[in-house]
Amino acid sequence: MTDLRDWLAGQHPGLRTYKSFQEKALQLCATDVEHRALYRLLANLAGHYVATFDEEPLPVDVASHAYETFLDLVEEGDRSFGASAERQLAALNKIASAELF
Protein backbone atom coordinates (compact mmCIF):
# COMPACT_ATOMS: atom_id res chain seq x y z
CA MET A 1 0.00 0.00 0.00
CA THR A 2 2.84 2.37 0.75
CA ASP A 3 4.10 2.05 -2.83
CA LEU A 4 0.66 2.92 -4.17
CA ARG A 5 0.38 5.89 -1.81
CA ASP A 6 3.84 7.14 -2.78
CA TRP A 7 3.00 6.75 -6.45
CA LEU A 8 -0.21 8.76 -6.01
CA ALA A 9 1.59 11.51 -4.09
CA GLY A 10 3.84 12.13 -7.08
CA GLN A 11 1.06 12.36 -9.67
CA HIS A 12 -0.84 15.21 -11.31
CA PRO A 13 -4.45 15.55 -10.08
CA GLY A 14 -5.93 14.80 -13.50
CA LEU A 15 -8.32 12.05 -14.57
CA ARG A 16 -5.52 9.91 -15.99
CA THR A 17 -4.10 9.60 -12.47
CA TYR A 18 -7.41 8.27 -11.18
CA LYS A 19 -7.72 5.83 -14.07
CA SER A 20 -4.20 4.53 -13.42
CA PHE A 21 -4.85 4.36 -9.68
CA GLN A 22 -8.00 2.35 -10.26
CA GLU A 23 -6.11 -0.16 -12.39
CA LYS A 24 -3.31 -0.48 -9.84
CA ALA A 25 -5.76 -0.88 -6.95
CA LEU A 26 -7.71 -3.57 -8.79
CA GLN A 27 -4.49 -5.46 -9.47
CA LEU A 28 -3.66 -5.31 -5.76
CA CYS A 29 -7.21 -6.35 -4.96
CA ALA A 30 -6.58 -9.57 -6.84
CA THR A 31 -3.23 -10.31 -5.20
CA ASP A 32 -3.49 -8.95 -1.64
CA VAL A 33 -6.56 -10.78 -0.37
CA GLU A 34 -6.05 -9.63 3.21
CA HIS A 35 -6.69 -6.01 2.16
CA ARG A 36 -9.06 -6.64 -0.73
CA ALA A 37 -11.86 -4.50 0.71
CA LEU A 38 -9.59 -1.49 1.07
CA TYR A 39 -8.32 -1.72 -2.50
CA ARG A 40 -11.81 -2.28 -3.86
CA LEU A 41 -13.23 0.74 -2.04
CA LEU A 42 -10.41 2.98 -3.24
CA ALA A 43 -10.70 1.66 -6.81
CA ASN A 44 -14.45 2.28 -6.77
CA LEU A 45 -13.97 5.81 -5.45
CA ALA A 46 -11.44 6.59 -8.19
CA GLY A 47 -13.70 5.02 -10.81
CA HIS A 48 -16.71 7.05 -9.69
CA TYR A 49 -14.68 10.24 -9.96
CA VAL A 50 -13.53 9.34 -13.48
CA ALA A 51 -17.03 8.38 -14.59
CA THR A 52 -18.46 11.63 -13.29
CA PHE A 53 -15.95 13.95 -14.94
CA ASP A 54 -14.89 12.01 -18.05
CA GLU A 55 -15.48 14.16 -21.14
CA GLU A 56 -16.44 17.10 -18.93
CA PRO A 57 -14.41 20.21 -18.10
CA LEU A 58 -12.91 19.86 -14.66
CA PRO A 59 -12.39 23.09 -12.70
CA VAL A 60 -8.92 23.36 -11.17
CA ASP A 61 -10.23 23.98 -7.66
CA VAL A 62 -12.44 20.87 -7.83
CA ALA A 63 -9.53 18.76 -9.10
CA SER A 64 -7.17 20.05 -6.41
CA HIS A 65 -9.66 19.48 -3.59
CA ALA A 66 -10.56 16.00 -4.86
CA TYR A 67 -6.90 15.03 -5.17
CA GLU A 68 -6.06 16.17 -1.62
CA THR A 69 -9.10 14.37 -0.23
CA PHE A 70 -8.27 11.20 -2.15
CA LEU A 71 -4.63 11.28 -1.05
CA ASP A 72 -5.77 11.68 2.58
CA LEU A 73 -8.04 8.64 2.21
CA VAL A 74 -5.26 6.55 0.69
CA GLU A 75 -2.97 7.58 3.55
CA GLU A 76 -5.70 6.62 6.04
CA GLY A 77 -5.90 3.20 4.41
CA ASP A 78 -2.13 2.84 4.52
CA ARG A 79 -2.04 3.70 8.23
CA SER A 80 -4.66 1.02 8.90
CA PHE A 81 -2.32 -1.77 7.78
CA GLY A 82 -1.28 -3.74 10.85
CA ALA A 83 -3.71 -1.83 13.06
CA SER A 84 -6.41 -3.34 15.22
CA ALA A 85 -9.53 -4.70 13.57
CA GLU A 86 -11.50 -1.75 14.93
CA ARG A 87 -9.06 0.74 13.40
CA GLN A 88 -9.11 -1.09 10.06
CA LEU A 89 -12.91 -1.10 10.06
CA ALA A 90 -12.99 2.61 10.90
CA ALA A 91 -10.69 3.33 7.93
CA LEU A 92 -12.86 1.24 5.61
CA ASN A 93 -16.01 2.99 6.81
CA LYS A 94 -14.42 6.41 6.32
CA ILE A 95 -13.38 5.55 2.77
CA ALA A 96 -16.76 3.96 1.97
CA SER A 97 -18.61 7.11 3.01
CA ALA A 98 -16.22 9.59 1.38
CA GLU A 99 -17.06 11.99 -1.44
CA LEU A 100 -14.34 13.56 -3.54
CA PHE A 101 -16.45 16.41 -4.90
PDB file of N, CA and C in Angstrom:
ATOM      1  N   MET A   1       0.822  -1.198   0.000  1.00  0.00           N
ATOM      2  CA  MET A   1       0.000   0.000   0.000  1.00  0.00           C
ATOM      3  C   MET A   1       0.861   1.254   0.000  1.00  0.00           C
ATOM      4  N   THR A   2       1.961   1.203   0.686  1.00  0.00           N
ATOM      5  CA  THR A   2       2.838   2.370   0.749  1.00  0.00           C
ATOM      6  C   THR A   2       3.332   2.753  -0.640  1.00  0.00           C
ATOM      7  N   ASP A   3       3.654   1.755  -1.465  1.00  0.00           N
ATOM      8  CA  ASP A   3       4.097   2.046  -2.829  1.00  0.00           C
ATOM      9  C   ASP A   3       3.003   2.748  -3.621  1.00  0.00           C
ATOM     10  N   LEU A   4       1.780   2.315  -3.466  1.00  0.00           N
ATOM     11  CA  LEU A   4       0.657   2.924  -4.167  1.00  0.00           C
ATOM     12  C   LEU A   4       0.444   4.351  -3.671  1.00  0.00           C
ATOM     13  N   ARG A   5       0.530   4.549  -2.383  1.00  0.00           N
ATOM     14  CA  ARG A   5       0.378   5.889  -1.809  1.00  0.00           C
ATOM     15  C   ARG A   5       1.481   6.814  -2.313  1.00  0.00           C
ATOM     16  N   ASP A   6       2.724   6.329  -2.308  1.00  0.00           N
ATOM     17  CA  ASP A   6       3.843   7.143  -2.785  1.00  0.00           C
ATOM     18  C   ASP A   6       3.698   7.475  -4.262  1.00  0.00           C
ATOM     19  N   TRP A   7       3.235   6.501  -5.037  1.00  0.00           N
ATOM     20  CA  TRP A   7       3.002   6.751  -6.454  1.00  0.00           C
ATOM     21  C   TRP A   7       1.973   7.866  -6.624  1.00  0.00           C
ATOM     22  N   LEU A   8       0.858   7.770  -5.909  1.00  0.00           N
ATOM     23  CA  LEU A   8      -0.206   8.764  -6.010  1.00  0.00           C
ATOM     24  C   LEU A   8       0.290  10.146  -5.613  1.00  0.00           C
ATOM     25  N   ALA A   9       1.092  10.221  -4.579  1.00  0.00           N
ATOM     26  CA  ALA A   9       1.586  11.506  -4.087  1.00  0.00           C
ATOM     27  C   ALA A   9       2.432  12.236  -5.129  1.00  0.00           C
ATOM     28  N   GLY A  10       3.012  11.509  -6.062  1.00  0.00           N
ATOM     29  CA  GLY A  10       3.840  12.131  -7.083  1.00  0.00           C
ATOM     30  C   GLY A  10       3.133  12.406  -8.395  1.00  0.00           C
ATOM     31  N   GLN A  11       1.815  12.217  -8.425  1.00  0.00           N
ATOM     32  CA  GLN A  11       1.062  12.358  -9.666  1.00  0.00           C
ATOM     33  C   GLN A  11       0.347  13.705  -9.781  1.00  0.00           C
ATOM     34  N   HIS A  12      -0.024  14.031 -11.000  1.00  0.00           N
ATOM     35  CA  HIS A  12      -0.837  15.206 -11.310  1.00  0.00           C
ATOM     36  C   HIS A  12      -2.294  14.879 -10.957  1.00  0.00           C
ATOM     37  N   PRO A  13      -3.072  15.851 -10.496  1.00  0.00           N
ATOM     38  CA  PRO A  13      -4.447  15.546 -10.080  1.00  0.00           C
ATOM     39  C   PRO A  13      -5.454  15.424 -11.222  1.00  0.00           C
ATOM     40  N   GLY A  14      -5.024  14.942 -12.369  1.00  0.00           N
ATOM     41  CA  GLY A  14      -5.929  14.796 -13.503  1.00  0.00           C
ATOM     42  C   GLY A  14      -6.609  13.442 -13.541  1.00  0.00           C
ATOM     43  N   LEU A  15      -7.548  13.289 -14.466  1.00  0.00           N
ATOM     44  CA  LEU A  15      -8.322  12.054 -14.570  1.00  0.00           C
ATOM     45  C   LEU A  15      -7.462  10.841 -14.898  1.00  0.00           C
ATOM     46  N   ARG A  16      -6.398  11.038 -15.656  1.00  0.00           N
ATOM     47  CA  ARG A  16      -5.516   9.913 -15.990  1.00  0.00           C
ATOM     48  C   ARG A  16      -4.918   9.289 -14.724  1.00  0.00           C
ATOM     49  N   THR A  17      -4.626  10.111 -13.742  1.00  0.00           N
ATOM     50  CA  THR A  17      -4.097   9.602 -12.466  1.00  0.00           C
ATOM     51  C   THR A  17      -5.114   8.684 -11.802  1.00  0.00           C
ATOM     52  N   TYR A  18      -6.372   9.088 -11.800  1.00  0.00           N
ATOM     53  CA  TYR A  18      -7.414   8.272 -11.175  1.00  0.00           C
ATOM     54  C   TYR A  18      -7.642   6.971 -11.938  1.00  0.00           C
ATOM     55  N   LYS A  19      -7.579   7.044 -13.264  1.00  0.00           N
ATOM     56  CA  LYS A  19      -7.719   5.826 -14.068  1.00  0.00           C
ATOM     57  C   LYS A  19      -6.576   4.855 -13.771  1.00  0.00           C
ATOM     58  N   SER A  20      -5.363   5.375 -13.713  1.00  0.00           N
ATOM     59  CA  SER A  20      -4.204   4.531 -13.416  1.00  0.00           C
ATOM     60  C   SER A  20      -4.287   3.976 -12.003  1.00  0.00           C
ATOM     61  N   PHE A  21      -4.710   4.825 -11.063  1.00  0.00           N
ATOM     62  CA  PHE A  21      -4.851   4.360  -9.679  1.00  0.00           C
ATOM     63  C   PHE A  21      -5.857   3.226  -9.607  1.00  0.00           C
ATOM     64  N   GLN A  22      -6.975   3.392 -10.285  1.00  0.00           N
ATOM     65  CA  GLN A  22      -8.003   2.355 -10.261  1.00  0.00           C
ATOM     66  C   GLN A  22      -7.442   1.027 -10.769  1.00  0.00           C
ATOM     67  N   GLU A  23      -6.710   1.063 -11.848  1.00  0.00           N
ATOM     68  CA  GLU A  23      -6.108  -0.163 -12.391  1.00  0.00           C
ATOM     69  C   GLU A  23      -5.141  -0.792 -11.393  1.00  0.00           C
ATOM     70  N   LYS A  24      -4.286   0.024 -10.806  1.00  0.00           N
ATOM     71  CA  LYS A  24      -3.310  -0.480  -9.837  1.00  0.00           C
ATOM     72  C   LYS A  24      -4.009  -1.075  -8.614  1.00  0.00           C
ATOM     73  N   ALA A  25      -5.037  -0.392  -8.127  1.00  0.00           N
ATOM     74  CA  ALA A  25      -5.763  -0.876  -6.948  1.00  0.00           C
ATOM     75  C   ALA A  25      -6.477  -2.188  -7.241  1.00  0.00           C
ATOM     76  N   LEU A  26      -7.038  -2.317  -8.433  1.00  0.00           N
ATOM     77  CA  LEU A  26      -7.709  -3.567  -8.787  1.00  0.00           C
ATOM     78  C   LEU A  26      -6.716  -4.718  -8.926  1.00  0.00           C
ATOM     79  N   GLN A  27      -5.525  -4.431  -9.412  1.00  0.00           N
ATOM     80  CA  GLN A  27      -4.486  -5.464  -9.469  1.00  0.00           C
ATOM     81  C   GLN A  27      -4.129  -5.917  -8.060  1.00  0.00           C
ATOM     82  N   LEU A  28      -3.970  -4.967  -7.148  1.00  0.00           N
ATOM     83  CA  LEU A  28      -3.658  -5.308  -5.761  1.00  0.00           C
ATOM     84  C   LEU A  28      -4.825  -6.033  -5.101  1.00  0.00           C
ATOM     85  N   CYS A  29      -6.016  -5.681  -5.478  1.00  0.00           N
ATOM     86  CA  CYS A  29      -7.213  -6.351  -4.961  1.00  0.00           C
ATOM     87  C   CYS A  29      -7.166  -7.840  -5.275  1.00  0.00           C
ATOM     88  N   ALA A  30      -6.641  -8.169  -6.433  1.00  0.00           N
ATOM     89  CA  ALA A  30      -6.577  -9.570  -6.844  1.00  0.00           C
ATOM     90  C   ALA A  30      -5.439 -10.327  -6.169  1.00  0.00           C
ATOM     91  N   THR A  31      -4.406  -9.621  -5.747  1.00  0.00           N
ATOM     92  CA  THR A  31      -3.232 -10.311  -5.199  1.00  0.00           C
ATOM     93  C   THR A  31      -3.103 -10.205  -3.680  1.00  0.00           C
ATOM     94  N   ASP A  32      -3.617  -9.151  -3.082  1.00  0.00           N
ATOM     95  CA  ASP A  32      -3.492  -8.948  -1.640  1.00  0.00           C
ATOM     96  C   ASP A  32      -4.856  -9.174  -0.998  1.00  0.00           C
ATOM     97  N   VAL A  33      -5.207 -10.442  -0.831  1.00  0.00           N
ATOM     98  CA  VAL A  33      -6.556 -10.782  -0.371  1.00  0.00           C
ATOM     99  C   VAL A  33      -6.852 -10.280   1.041  1.00  0.00           C
ATOM    100  N   GLU A  34      -5.833 -10.104   1.846  1.00  0.00           N
ATOM    101  CA  GLU A  34      -6.046  -9.633   3.210  1.00  0.00           C
ATOM    102  C   GLU A  34      -6.588  -8.198   3.247  1.00  0.00           C
ATOM    103  N   HIS A  35      -6.271  -7.416   2.210  1.00  0.00           N
ATOM    104  CA  HIS A  35      -6.689  -6.014   2.162  1.00  0.00           C
ATOM    105  C   HIS A  35      -7.581  -5.720   0.957  1.00  0.00           C
ATOM    106  N   ARG A  36      -8.234  -6.747   0.475  1.00  0.00           N
ATOM    107  CA  ARG A  36      -9.057  -6.635  -0.727  1.00  0.00           C
ATOM    108  C   ARG A  36     -10.137  -5.559  -0.589  1.00  0.00           C
ATOM    109  N   ALA A  37     -10.789  -5.482   0.527  1.00  0.00           N
ATOM    110  CA  ALA A  37     -11.862  -4.496   0.708  1.00  0.00           C
ATOM    111  C   ALA A  37     -11.331  -3.069   0.578  1.00  0.00           C
ATOM    112  N   LEU A  38     -10.191  -2.824   1.150  1.00  0.00           N
ATOM    113  CA  LEU A  38      -9.589  -1.493   1.065  1.00  0.00           C
ATOM    114  C   LEU A  38      -9.293  -1.119  -0.377  1.00  0.00           C
ATOM    115  N   TYR A  39      -8.651  -2.009  -1.098  1.00  0.00           N
ATOM    116  CA  TYR A  39      -8.319  -1.723  -2.497  1.00  0.00           C
ATOM    117  C   TYR A  39      -9.572  -1.558  -3.350  1.00  0.00           C
ATOM    118  N   ARG A  40     -10.570  -2.362  -3.097  1.00  0.00           N
ATOM    119  CA  ARG A  40     -11.806  -2.276  -3.865  1.00  0.00           C
ATOM    120  C   ARG A  40     -12.515  -0.945  -3.605  1.00  0.00           C
ATOM    121  N   LEU A  41     -12.580  -0.534  -2.358  1.00  0.00           N
ATOM    122  CA  LEU A  41     -13.227   0.740  -2.040  1.00  0.00           C
ATOM    123  C   LEU A  41     -12.494   1.909  -2.699  1.00  0.00           C
ATOM    124  N   LEU A  42     -11.177   1.904  -2.632  1.00  0.00           N
ATOM    125  CA  LEU A  42     -10.408   2.980  -3.245  1.00  0.00           C
ATOM    126  C   LEU A  42     -10.541   2.965  -4.763  1.00  0.00           C
ATOM    127  N   ALA A  43     -10.526   1.776  -5.359  1.00  0.00           N
ATOM    128  CA  ALA A  43     -10.699   1.658  -6.812  1.00  0.00           C
ATOM    129  C   ALA A  43     -12.073   2.168  -7.224  1.00  0.00           C
ATOM    130  N   ASN A  44     -13.094   1.823  -6.469  1.00  0.00           N
ATOM    131  CA  ASN A  44     -14.446   2.280  -6.775  1.00  0.00           C
ATOM    132  C   ASN A  44     -14.568   3.801  -6.650  1.00  0.00           C
ATOM    133  N   LEU A  45     -13.931   4.358  -5.643  1.00  0.00           N
ATOM    134  CA  LEU A  45     -13.965   5.811  -5.450  1.00  0.00           C
ATOM    135  C   LEU A  45     -13.286   6.518  -6.623  1.00  0.00           C
ATOM    136  N   ALA A  46     -12.143   6.020  -7.037  1.00  0.00           N
ATOM    137  CA  ALA A  46     -11.440   6.593  -8.191  1.00  0.00           C
ATOM    138  C   ALA A  46     -12.279   6.430  -9.456  1.00  0.00           C
ATOM    139  N   GLY A  47     -12.871   5.271  -9.634  1.00  0.00           N
ATOM    140  CA  GLY A  47     -13.701   5.016 -10.808  1.00  0.00           C
ATOM    141  C   GLY A  47     -14.919   5.915 -10.871  1.00  0.00           C
ATOM    142  N   HIS A  48     -15.548   6.159  -9.734  1.00  0.00           N
ATOM    143  CA  HIS A  48     -16.710   7.047  -9.686  1.00  0.00           C
ATOM    144  C   HIS A  48     -16.315   8.467 -10.087  1.00  0.00           C
ATOM    145  N   TYR A  49     -15.179   8.905  -9.625  1.00  0.00           N
ATOM    146  CA  TYR A  49     -14.680  10.241  -9.962  1.00  0.00           C
ATOM    147  C   TYR A  49     -14.452  10.352 -11.471  1.00  0.00           C
ATOM    148  N   VAL A  50     -13.805   9.347 -12.038  1.00  0.00           N
ATOM    149  CA  VAL A  50     -13.529   9.342 -13.480  1.00  0.00           C
ATOM    150  C   VAL A  50     -14.844   9.333 -14.271  1.00  0.00           C
ATOM    151  N   ALA A  51     -15.757   8.481 -13.876  1.00  0.00           N
ATOM    152  CA  ALA A  51     -17.034   8.377 -14.589  1.00  0.00           C
ATOM    153  C   ALA A  51     -17.826   9.681 -14.536  1.00  0.00           C
ATOM    154  N   THR A  52     -17.723  10.384 -13.451  1.00  0.00           N
ATOM    155  CA  THR A  52     -18.459  11.635 -13.289  1.00  0.00           C
ATOM    156  C   THR A  52     -17.890  12.747 -14.162  1.00  0.00           C
ATOM    157  N   PHE A  53     -16.568  12.822 -14.259  1.00  0.00           N
ATOM    158  CA  PHE A  53     -15.949  13.951 -14.942  1.00  0.00           C
ATOM    159  C   PHE A  53     -15.350  13.611 -16.304  1.00  0.00           C
ATOM    160  N   ASP A  54     -15.432  12.371 -16.738  1.00  0.00           N
ATOM    161  CA  ASP A  54     -14.893  12.007 -18.046  1.00  0.00           C
ATOM    162  C   ASP A  54     -15.655  12.767 -19.132  1.00  0.00           C
ATOM    163  N   GLU A  55     -14.920  13.376 -20.036  1.00  0.00           N
ATOM    164  CA  GLU A  55     -15.479  14.159 -21.140  1.00  0.00           C
ATOM    165  C   GLU A  55     -16.095  15.482 -20.679  1.00  0.00           C
ATOM    166  N   GLU A  56     -15.914  15.850 -19.455  1.00  0.00           N
ATOM    167  CA  GLU A  56     -16.443  17.104 -18.935  1.00  0.00           C
ATOM    168  C   GLU A  56     -15.283  18.001 -18.507  1.00  0.00           C
ATOM    169  N   PRO A  57     -15.454  19.308 -18.620  1.00  0.00           N
ATOM    170  CA  PRO A  57     -14.412  20.209 -18.102  1.00  0.00           C
ATOM    171  C   PRO A  57     -14.328  20.074 -16.583  1.00  0.00           C
ATOM    172  N   LEU A  58     -13.132  20.048 -16.085  1.00  0.00           N
ATOM    173  CA  LEU A  58     -12.913  19.858 -14.656  1.00  0.00           C
ATOM    174  C   LEU A  58     -12.257  21.114 -14.086  1.00  0.00           C
ATOM    175  N   PRO A  59     -12.979  21.887 -13.287  1.00  0.00           N
ATOM    176  CA  PRO A  59     -12.390  23.093 -12.697  1.00  0.00           C
ATOM    177  C   PRO A  59     -11.175  22.751 -11.830  1.00  0.00           C
ATOM    178  N   VAL A  60     -10.173  23.598 -11.881  1.00  0.00           N
ATOM    179  CA  VAL A  60      -8.922  23.356 -11.167  1.00  0.00           C
ATOM    180  C   VAL A  60      -9.149  23.226  -9.670  1.00  0.00           C
ATOM    181  N   ASP A  61     -10.008  24.048  -9.097  1.00  0.00           N
ATOM    182  CA  ASP A  61     -10.233  23.978  -7.659  1.00  0.00           C
ATOM    183  C   ASP A  61     -10.906  22.666  -7.259  1.00  0.00           C
ATOM    184  N   VAL A  62     -11.798  22.158  -8.099  1.00  0.00           N
ATOM    185  CA  VAL A  62     -12.439  20.867  -7.828  1.00  0.00           C
ATOM    186  C   VAL A  62     -11.400  19.757  -7.904  1.00  0.00           C
ATOM    187  N   ALA A  63     -10.565  19.787  -8.933  1.00  0.00           N
ATOM    188  CA  ALA A  63      -9.531  18.761  -9.105  1.00  0.00           C
ATOM    189  C   ALA A  63      -8.547  18.771  -7.942  1.00  0.00           C
ATOM    190  N   SER A  64      -8.131  19.945  -7.516  1.00  0.00           N
ATOM    191  CA  SER A  64      -7.173  20.052  -6.406  1.00  0.00           C
ATOM    192  C   SER A  64      -7.764  19.536  -5.102  1.00  0.00           C
ATOM    193  N   HIS A  65      -9.004  19.936  -4.824  1.00  0.00           N
ATOM    194  CA  HIS A  65      -9.664  19.479  -3.593  1.00  0.00           C
ATOM    195  C   HIS A  65      -9.870  17.963  -3.616  1.00  0.00           C
ATOM    196  N   ALA A  66     -10.330  17.449  -4.745  1.00  0.00           N
ATOM    197  CA  ALA A  66     -10.557  16.001  -4.856  1.00  0.00           C
ATOM    198  C   ALA A  66      -9.263  15.228  -4.668  1.00  0.00           C
ATOM    199  N   TYR A  67      -8.192  15.710  -5.274  1.00  0.00           N
ATOM    200  CA  TYR A  67      -6.905  15.026  -5.171  1.00  0.00           C
ATOM    201  C   TYR A  67      -6.420  14.997  -3.717  1.00  0.00           C
ATOM    202  N   GLU A  68      -6.496  16.115  -3.032  1.00  0.00           N
ATOM    203  CA  GLU A  68      -6.056  16.168  -1.624  1.00  0.00           C
ATOM    204  C   GLU A  68      -6.911  15.244  -0.751  1.00  0.00           C
ATOM    205  N   THR A  69      -8.202  15.252  -0.989  1.00  0.00           N
ATOM    206  CA  THR A  69      -9.102  14.372  -0.234  1.00  0.00           C
ATOM    207  C   THR A  69      -8.774  12.911  -0.509  1.00  0.00           C
ATOM    208  N   PHE A  70      -8.573  12.582  -1.777  1.00  0.00           N
ATOM    209  CA  PHE A  70      -8.267  11.202  -2.151  1.00  0.00           C
ATOM    210  C   PHE A  70      -6.934  10.759  -1.560  1.00  0.00           C
ATOM    211  N   LEU A  71      -5.933  11.613  -1.632  1.00  0.00           N
ATOM    212  CA  LEU A  71      -4.632  11.281  -1.053  1.00  0.00           C
ATOM    213  C   LEU A  71      -4.750  11.056   0.456  1.00  0.00           C
ATOM    214  N   ASP A  72      -5.533  11.870   1.135  1.00  0.00           N
ATOM    215  CA  ASP A  72      -5.766  11.681   2.577  1.00  0.00           C
ATOM    216  C   ASP A  72      -6.416  10.326   2.855  1.00  0.00           C
ATOM    217  N   LEU A  73      -7.366   9.925   2.019  1.00  0.00           N
ATOM    218  CA  LEU A  73      -8.040   8.636   2.209  1.00  0.00           C
ATOM    219  C   LEU A  73      -7.084   7.472   1.965  1.00  0.00           C
ATOM    220  N   VAL A  74      -6.251   7.597   0.959  1.00  0.00           N
ATOM    221  CA  VAL A  74      -5.263   6.549   0.688  1.00  0.00           C
ATOM    222  C   VAL A  74      -4.276   6.454   1.854  1.00  0.00           C
ATOM    223  N   GLU A  75      -3.857   7.583   2.380  1.00  0.00           N
ATOM    224  CA  GLU A  75      -2.969   7.581   3.548  1.00  0.00           C
ATOM    225  C   GLU A  75      -3.652   6.957   4.762  1.00  0.00           C
ATOM    226  N   GLU A  76      -4.927   7.236   4.940  1.00  0.00           N
ATOM    227  CA  GLU A  76      -5.701   6.619   6.036  1.00  0.00           C
ATOM    228  C   GLU A  76      -5.708   5.099   5.883  1.00  0.00           C
ATOM    229  N   GLY A  77      -5.937   4.639   4.671  1.00  0.00           N
ATOM    230  CA  GLY A  77      -5.902   3.205   4.412  1.00  0.00           C
ATOM    231  C   GLY A  77      -4.533   2.616   4.682  1.00  0.00           C
ATOM    232  N   ASP A  78      -3.499   3.318   4.290  1.00  0.00           N
ATOM    233  CA  ASP A  78      -2.130   2.843   4.519  1.00  0.00           C
ATOM    234  C   ASP A  78      -1.833   2.743   6.017  1.00  0.00           C
ATOM    235  N   ARG A  79      -2.270   3.721   6.771  1.00  0.00           N
ATOM    236  CA  ARG A  79      -2.043   3.701   8.226  1.00  0.00           C
ATOM    237  C   ARG A  79      -2.801   2.569   8.910  1.00  0.00           C
ATOM    238  N   SER A  80      -3.859   2.081   8.275  1.00  0.00           N
ATOM    239  CA  SER A  80      -4.656   1.018   8.901  1.00  0.00           C
ATOM    240  C   SER A  80      -3.988  -0.356   8.783  1.00  0.00           C
ATOM    241  N   PHE A  81      -3.010  -0.488   7.908  1.00  0.00           N
ATOM    242  CA  PHE A  81      -2.317  -1.775   7.779  1.00  0.00           C
ATOM    243  C   PHE A  81      -1.649  -2.119   9.109  1.00  0.00           C
ATOM    244  N   GLY A  82      -1.890  -3.299   9.597  1.00  0.00           N
ATOM    245  CA  GLY A  82      -1.284  -3.743  10.854  1.00  0.00           C
ATOM    246  C   GLY A  82      -1.960  -3.195  12.090  1.00  0.00           C
ATOM    247  N   ALA A  83      -2.997  -2.394  11.913  1.00  0.00           N
ATOM    248  CA  ALA A  83      -3.709  -1.829  13.064  1.00  0.00           C
ATOM    249  C   ALA A  83      -4.731  -2.835  13.578  1.00  0.00           C
ATOM    250  N   SER A  84      -5.370  -2.478  14.671  1.00  0.00           N
ATOM    251  CA  SER A  84      -6.410  -3.339  15.224  1.00  0.00           C
ATOM    252  C   SER A  84      -7.565  -3.466  14.242  1.00  0.00           C
ATOM    253  N   ALA A  85      -8.362  -4.492  14.435  1.00  0.00           N
ATOM    254  CA  ALA A  85      -9.525  -4.703  13.566  1.00  0.00           C
ATOM    255  C   ALA A  85     -10.469  -3.506  13.623  1.00  0.00           C
ATOM    256  N   GLU A  86     -10.624  -2.913  14.790  1.00  0.00           N
ATOM    257  CA  GLU A  86     -11.497  -1.754  14.933  1.00  0.00           C
ATOM    258  C   GLU A  86     -10.976  -0.575  14.117  1.00  0.00           C
ATOM    259  N   ARG A  87      -9.672  -0.366  14.164  1.00  0.00           N
ATOM    260  CA  ARG A  87      -9.058   0.741  13.396  1.00  0.00           C
ATOM    261  C   ARG A  87      -9.169   0.484  11.896  1.00  0.00           C
ATOM    262  N   GLN A  88      -8.979  -0.753  11.481  1.00  0.00           N
ATOM    263  CA  GLN A  88      -9.111  -1.085  10.060  1.00  0.00           C
ATOM    264  C   GLN A  88     -10.548  -0.857   9.594  1.00  0.00           C
ATOM    265  N   LEU A  89     -11.503  -1.284  10.406  1.00  0.00           N
ATOM    266  CA  LEU A  89     -12.911  -1.098  10.057  1.00  0.00           C
ATOM    267  C   LEU A  89     -13.268   0.382   9.999  1.00  0.00           C
ATOM    268  N   ALA A  90     -12.737   1.162  10.914  1.00  0.00           N
ATOM    269  CA  ALA A  90     -12.990   2.609  10.901  1.00  0.00           C
ATOM    270  C   ALA A  90     -12.448   3.236   9.615  1.00  0.00           C
ATOM    271  N   ALA A  91     -11.270   2.817   9.178  1.00  0.00           N
ATOM    272  CA  ALA A  91     -10.695   3.333   7.934  1.00  0.00           C
ATOM    273  C   ALA A  91     -11.559   2.941   6.743  1.00  0.00           C
ATOM    274  N   LEU A  92     -11.993   1.697   6.706  1.00  0.00           N
ATOM    275  CA  LEU A  92     -12.858   1.240   5.609  1.00  0.00           C
ATOM    276  C   LEU A  92     -14.166   2.018   5.579  1.00  0.00           C
ATOM    277  N   ASN A  93     -14.755   2.240   6.738  1.00  0.00           N
ATOM    278  CA  ASN A  93     -16.008   2.990   6.806  1.00  0.00           C
ATOM    279  C   ASN A  93     -15.822   4.439   6.363  1.00  0.00           C
ATOM    280  N   LYS A  94     -14.706   5.039   6.727  1.00  0.00           N
ATOM    281  CA  LYS A  94     -14.419   6.414   6.319  1.00  0.00           C
ATOM    282  C   LYS A  94     -14.289   6.493   4.798  1.00  0.00           C
ATOM    283  N   ILE A  95     -13.566   5.557   4.221  1.00  0.00           N
ATOM    284  CA  ILE A  95     -13.380   5.549   2.768  1.00  0.00           C
ATOM    285  C   ILE A  95     -14.712   5.269   2.059  1.00  0.00           C
ATOM    286  N   ALA A  96     -15.477   4.326   2.591  1.00  0.00           N
ATOM    287  CA  ALA A  96     -16.763   3.957   1.972  1.00  0.00           C
ATOM    288  C   ALA A  96     -17.754   5.119   1.968  1.00  0.00           C
ATOM    289  N   SER A  97     -17.664   6.004   2.924  1.00  0.00           N
ATOM    290  CA  SER A  97     -18.608   7.112   3.008  1.00  0.00           C
ATOM    291  C   SER A  97     -18.067   8.407   2.414  1.00  0.00           C
ATOM    292  N   ALA A  98     -16.868   8.382   1.873  1.00  0.00           N
ATOM    293  CA  ALA A  98     -16.222   9.594   1.376  1.00  0.00           C
ATOM    294  C   ALA A  98     -16.781  10.052   0.026  1.00  0.00           C
ATOM    295  N   GLU A  99     -16.717  11.347  -0.176  1.00  0.00           N
ATOM    296  CA  GLU A  99     -17.064  11.988  -1.438  1.00  0.00           C
ATOM    297  C   GLU A  99     -15.874  12.851  -1.836  1.00  0.00           C
ATOM    298  N   LEU A 100     -15.482  12.762  -3.088  1.00  0.00           N
ATOM    299  CA  LEU A 100     -14.337  13.557  -3.545  1.00  0.00           C
ATOM    300  C   LEU A 100     -14.746  14.933  -4.049  1.00  0.00           C
ATOM    301  N   PHE A 101     -16.001  15.125  -4.354  1.00  0.00           N
ATOM    302  CA  PHE A 101     -16.451  16.410  -4.904  1.00  0.00           C
ATOM    303  C   PHE A 101     -17.829  16.764  -4.378  1.00  0.00           C
TER     304      PHE A 101
END
